[in-house]
């Protein structure tokens, strides 16, 4: 997947505080979600791509860790990002 810098800036501008704020939990969760959705679509077509499957598992774990952190620190931000990205919980 070619994730261009323009795409990253759009994701961080939409979900983070600004396009340059790449460290916010919401921005990182949104970026991981974008990559997870792409890898999921890729794996539907290429079932035997084990390296992509491993990458997907790692990304889901990273996103889960950030979501757990956000839920611990600020529940309102956690609920907002869950609702915004249509993640279930």
N, C-alpha and C. Protein backbone atom coordinates (compact mmCIF):
# COMPACT_ATOMS: atom_id res chain seq x y z
N UNK A 1 0.84 -1.17 0.00
CA UNK A 1 0.00 0.00 0.00
C UNK A 1 0.88 1.23 0.00
N UNK A 2 0.59 2.12 -0.87
CA UNK A 2 1.32 3.37 -0.94
C UNK A 2 0.51 4.42 -0.18
N UNK A 3 0.95 4.73 1.02
CA UNK A 3 0.30 5.72 1.84
C UNK A 3 1.08 7.02 1.69
N UNK A 4 0.56 7.92 0.89
CA UNK A 4 1.28 9.15 0.58
C UNK A 4 1.22 10.11 1.76
N UNK A 5 2.12 11.08 1.74
CA UNK A 5 2.15 12.05 2.82
C UNK A 5 0.90 12.92 2.81
N UNK A 6 0.31 13.13 1.62
CA UNK A 6 -0.93 13.90 1.55
C UNK A 6 -2.07 13.16 2.25
N UNK A 7 -2.12 11.85 2.05
CA UNK A 7 -3.15 11.05 2.70
C UNK A 7 -2.99 11.08 4.21
N UNK A 8 -1.75 10.97 4.67
CA UNK A 8 -1.48 11.03 6.11
C UNK A 8 -1.88 12.38 6.68
N UNK A 9 -1.54 13.45 5.95
CA UNK A 9 -1.90 14.79 6.43
C UNK A 9 -3.40 14.96 6.52
N UNK A 10 -4.13 14.41 5.54
CA UNK A 10 -5.59 14.48 5.58
C UNK A 10 -6.14 13.73 6.79
N UNK A 11 -5.59 12.55 7.06
CA UNK A 11 -6.06 11.76 8.20
C UNK A 11 -5.78 12.49 9.51
N UNK A 12 -4.57 13.03 9.65
CA UNK A 12 -4.22 13.72 10.89
C UNK A 12 -4.98 15.04 11.02
N UNK A 13 -5.25 15.71 9.91
CA UNK A 13 -6.01 16.96 9.98
C UNK A 13 -7.46 16.69 10.38
N UNK A 14 -8.01 15.59 9.90
CA UNK A 14 -9.41 15.27 10.19
C UNK A 14 -9.59 14.75 11.62
N UNK A 15 -8.68 13.90 12.08
CA UNK A 15 -8.87 13.24 13.37
C UNK A 15 -7.97 13.78 14.47
N UNK A 16 -6.86 14.40 14.12
CA UNK A 16 -5.97 14.95 15.13
C UNK A 16 -6.26 16.41 15.37
N UNK A 17 -5.37 17.08 16.07
CA UNK A 17 -5.55 18.51 16.33
C UNK A 17 -5.20 19.33 15.10
N UNK A 18 -4.17 18.91 14.37
CA UNK A 18 -3.78 19.58 13.13
C UNK A 18 -3.09 18.57 12.23
N UNK A 19 -2.73 19.01 11.02
CA UNK A 19 -2.07 18.10 10.08
C UNK A 19 -0.66 17.76 10.54
N UNK A 20 -0.05 18.65 11.33
CA UNK A 20 1.32 18.42 11.79
C UNK A 20 1.37 17.65 13.10
N UNK A 21 0.23 17.46 13.75
CA UNK A 21 0.18 16.77 15.04
C UNK A 21 0.05 15.27 14.81
N UNK A 22 1.18 14.63 14.60
CA UNK A 22 1.16 13.19 14.31
C UNK A 22 1.24 12.34 15.56
N UNK A 23 1.38 12.94 16.72
CA UNK A 23 1.54 12.19 17.95
C UNK A 23 0.27 11.98 18.73
N UNK A 24 -0.82 12.60 18.34
CA UNK A 24 -2.06 12.45 19.09
C UNK A 24 -2.60 11.03 18.95
N UNK A 25 -3.20 10.56 20.01
CA UNK A 25 -3.72 9.20 20.00
C UNK A 25 -4.82 9.04 18.96
N UNK A 26 -5.68 10.05 18.81
CA UNK A 26 -6.76 9.95 17.84
C UNK A 26 -6.23 9.85 16.42
N UNK A 27 -5.21 10.64 16.10
CA UNK A 27 -4.62 10.60 14.77
C UNK A 27 -3.98 9.26 14.46
N UNK A 28 -3.26 8.72 15.45
CA UNK A 28 -2.62 7.43 15.25
C UNK A 28 -3.65 6.31 15.11
N UNK A 29 -4.71 6.37 15.90
CA UNK A 29 -5.76 5.36 15.80
C UNK A 29 -6.42 5.42 14.43
N UNK A 30 -6.65 6.62 13.93
CA UNK A 30 -7.26 6.78 12.61
C UNK A 30 -6.33 6.25 11.52
N UNK A 31 -5.03 6.51 11.65
CA UNK A 31 -4.06 6.01 10.67
C UNK A 31 -4.00 4.49 10.70
N UNK A 32 -3.97 3.90 11.89
CA UNK A 32 -3.95 2.45 12.01
C UNK A 32 -5.24 1.85 11.43
N UNK A 33 -6.37 2.50 11.64
CA UNK A 33 -7.64 2.01 11.12
C UNK A 33 -7.63 2.02 9.60
N UNK A 34 -7.08 3.08 9.02
CA UNK A 34 -6.97 3.16 7.56
C UNK A 34 -6.11 2.02 7.02
N UNK A 35 -4.98 1.78 7.66
CA UNK A 35 -4.09 0.70 7.22
C UNK A 35 -4.71 -0.67 7.44
N UNK A 36 -5.44 -0.85 8.55
CA UNK A 36 -6.10 -2.12 8.84
C UNK A 36 -7.17 -2.42 7.78
N UNK A 37 -7.94 -1.41 7.41
CA UNK A 37 -8.96 -1.61 6.38
C UNK A 37 -8.34 -2.00 5.05
N UNK A 38 -7.21 -1.37 4.71
CA UNK A 38 -6.54 -1.71 3.46
C UNK A 38 -6.00 -3.14 3.49
N UNK A 39 -5.36 -3.53 4.60
CA UNK A 39 -4.83 -4.89 4.69
C UNK A 39 -5.94 -5.94 4.70
N UNK A 40 -7.07 -5.61 5.30
CA UNK A 40 -8.20 -6.54 5.32
C UNK A 40 -8.70 -6.80 3.90
N UNK A 41 -8.82 -5.73 3.12
CA UNK A 41 -9.23 -5.90 1.72
C UNK A 41 -8.20 -6.70 0.93
N UNK A 42 -6.92 -6.44 1.20
CA UNK A 42 -5.85 -7.16 0.52
C UNK A 42 -5.90 -8.66 0.84
N UNK A 43 -6.15 -8.97 2.10
CA UNK A 43 -6.16 -10.38 2.51
C UNK A 43 -7.40 -11.13 2.01
N UNK A 44 -8.46 -10.41 1.68
CA UNK A 44 -9.62 -11.08 1.10
C UNK A 44 -9.29 -11.64 -0.27
N UNK A 45 -8.41 -10.96 -1.00
CA UNK A 45 -8.01 -11.42 -2.32
C UNK A 45 -6.82 -12.37 -2.27
N UNK A 46 -5.89 -12.14 -1.33
CA UNK A 46 -4.66 -12.92 -1.24
C UNK A 46 -4.61 -13.64 0.10
N UNK A 47 -5.27 -14.76 0.15
CA UNK A 47 -5.42 -15.48 1.42
C UNK A 47 -4.12 -16.06 1.96
N UNK A 48 -3.16 -16.30 1.10
CA UNK A 48 -1.92 -16.95 1.54
C UNK A 48 -0.78 -15.96 1.81
N UNK A 49 -1.08 -14.69 1.88
CA UNK A 49 -0.07 -13.67 2.16
C UNK A 49 0.13 -13.58 3.67
N UNK A 50 1.05 -14.41 4.18
CA UNK A 50 1.24 -14.53 5.62
C UNK A 50 1.92 -13.30 6.21
N UNK A 51 2.77 -12.62 5.47
CA UNK A 51 3.42 -11.43 6.01
C UNK A 51 2.40 -10.29 6.19
N UNK A 52 1.45 -10.19 5.28
CA UNK A 52 0.41 -9.18 5.44
C UNK A 52 -0.50 -9.53 6.61
N UNK A 53 -0.74 -10.80 6.81
CA UNK A 53 -1.56 -11.23 7.93
C UNK A 53 -0.89 -10.91 9.26
N UNK A 54 0.42 -11.12 9.33
CA UNK A 54 1.17 -10.79 10.54
C UNK A 54 1.16 -9.29 10.78
N UNK A 55 1.31 -8.51 9.73
CA UNK A 55 1.26 -7.06 9.86
C UNK A 55 -0.11 -6.60 10.35
N UNK A 56 -1.15 -7.24 9.85
CA UNK A 56 -2.50 -6.90 10.28
C UNK A 56 -2.69 -7.18 11.77
N UNK A 57 -2.22 -8.30 12.23
CA UNK A 57 -2.34 -8.66 13.64
C UNK A 57 -1.59 -7.66 14.51
N UNK A 58 -0.41 -7.24 14.09
CA UNK A 58 0.37 -6.26 14.85
C UNK A 58 -0.33 -4.91 14.89
N UNK A 59 -0.89 -4.49 13.76
CA UNK A 59 -1.59 -3.21 13.72
C UNK A 59 -2.82 -3.21 14.61
N UNK A 60 -3.55 -4.31 14.61
CA UNK A 60 -4.74 -4.40 15.45
C UNK A 60 -4.34 -4.31 16.92
N UNK A 61 -3.23 -4.95 17.28
CA UNK A 61 -2.74 -4.88 18.66
C UNK A 61 -2.32 -3.48 19.05
N UNK A 62 -1.64 -2.79 18.15
CA UNK A 62 -1.22 -1.40 18.43
C UNK A 62 -2.43 -0.50 18.60
N UNK A 63 -3.42 -0.66 17.71
CA UNK A 63 -4.62 0.16 17.81
C UNK A 63 -5.37 -0.14 19.11
N UNK A 64 -5.43 -1.42 19.48
CA UNK A 64 -6.11 -1.79 20.73
C UNK A 64 -5.41 -1.16 21.93
N UNK A 65 -4.07 -1.14 21.92
CA UNK A 65 -3.32 -0.54 23.02
C UNK A 65 -3.60 0.95 23.12
N UNK A 66 -3.63 1.63 21.98
CA UNK A 66 -3.92 3.06 21.99
C UNK A 66 -5.36 3.33 22.45
N UNK A 67 -6.29 2.49 22.03
CA UNK A 67 -7.67 2.66 22.47
C UNK A 67 -7.81 2.42 23.98
N UNK A 68 -7.10 1.43 24.51
CA UNK A 68 -7.12 1.17 25.95
C UNK A 68 -6.54 2.36 26.71
N UNK A 69 -5.43 2.92 26.19
CA UNK A 69 -4.81 4.09 26.81
C UNK A 69 -5.78 5.26 26.81
N UNK A 70 -6.42 5.50 25.69
CA UNK A 70 -7.34 6.62 25.57
C UNK A 70 -8.55 6.44 26.49
N UNK A 71 -9.03 5.22 26.63
CA UNK A 71 -10.16 4.95 27.52
C UNK A 71 -9.78 5.20 28.97
N UNK A 72 -8.53 4.92 29.32
CA UNK A 72 -8.06 5.14 30.67
C UNK A 72 -7.88 6.62 30.97
N UNK A 73 -7.34 7.36 30.00
CA UNK A 73 -6.98 8.77 30.20
C UNK A 73 -8.20 9.68 30.08
N UNK A 74 -8.95 9.53 29.00
CA UNK A 74 -10.09 10.43 28.74
C UNK A 74 -11.19 9.65 28.03
N UNK A 75 -12.24 9.32 28.76
CA UNK A 75 -13.32 8.49 28.22
C UNK A 75 -14.07 9.21 27.11
N UNK A 76 -14.21 10.53 27.22
CA UNK A 76 -14.97 11.27 26.21
C UNK A 76 -14.26 11.27 24.87
N UNK A 77 -12.93 11.43 24.86
CA UNK A 77 -12.16 11.34 23.62
C UNK A 77 -12.24 9.94 23.05
N UNK A 78 -12.20 8.92 23.92
CA UNK A 78 -12.31 7.53 23.49
C UNK A 78 -13.64 7.28 22.80
N UNK A 79 -14.73 7.73 23.42
CA UNK A 79 -16.05 7.52 22.83
C UNK A 79 -16.21 8.27 21.52
N UNK A 80 -15.60 9.46 21.45
CA UNK A 80 -15.70 10.26 20.22
C UNK A 80 -14.99 9.57 19.06
N UNK A 81 -13.79 9.04 19.30
CA UNK A 81 -13.04 8.40 18.21
C UNK A 81 -13.69 7.08 17.80
N UNK A 82 -14.26 6.35 18.76
CA UNK A 82 -14.97 5.11 18.45
C UNK A 82 -16.17 5.41 17.54
N UNK A 83 -16.90 6.47 17.89
CA UNK A 83 -18.07 6.85 17.09
C UNK A 83 -17.68 7.38 15.72
N UNK A 84 -16.61 8.17 15.69
CA UNK A 84 -16.17 8.80 14.43
C UNK A 84 -15.67 7.78 13.42
N UNK A 85 -14.95 6.77 13.90
CA UNK A 85 -14.36 5.76 13.00
C UNK A 85 -15.25 4.53 12.81
N UNK A 86 -16.42 4.53 13.47
CA UNK A 86 -17.36 3.41 13.39
C UNK A 86 -16.73 2.11 13.87
N UNK A 87 -15.98 2.18 14.95
CA UNK A 87 -15.43 0.98 15.58
C UNK A 87 -16.44 0.53 16.63
N UNK A 88 -16.61 -0.74 16.73
CA UNK A 88 -17.60 -1.22 17.70
C UNK A 88 -16.96 -1.49 19.05
N UNK A 89 -17.70 -1.24 20.08
CA UNK A 89 -17.33 -1.61 21.43
C UNK A 89 -18.39 -1.13 22.36
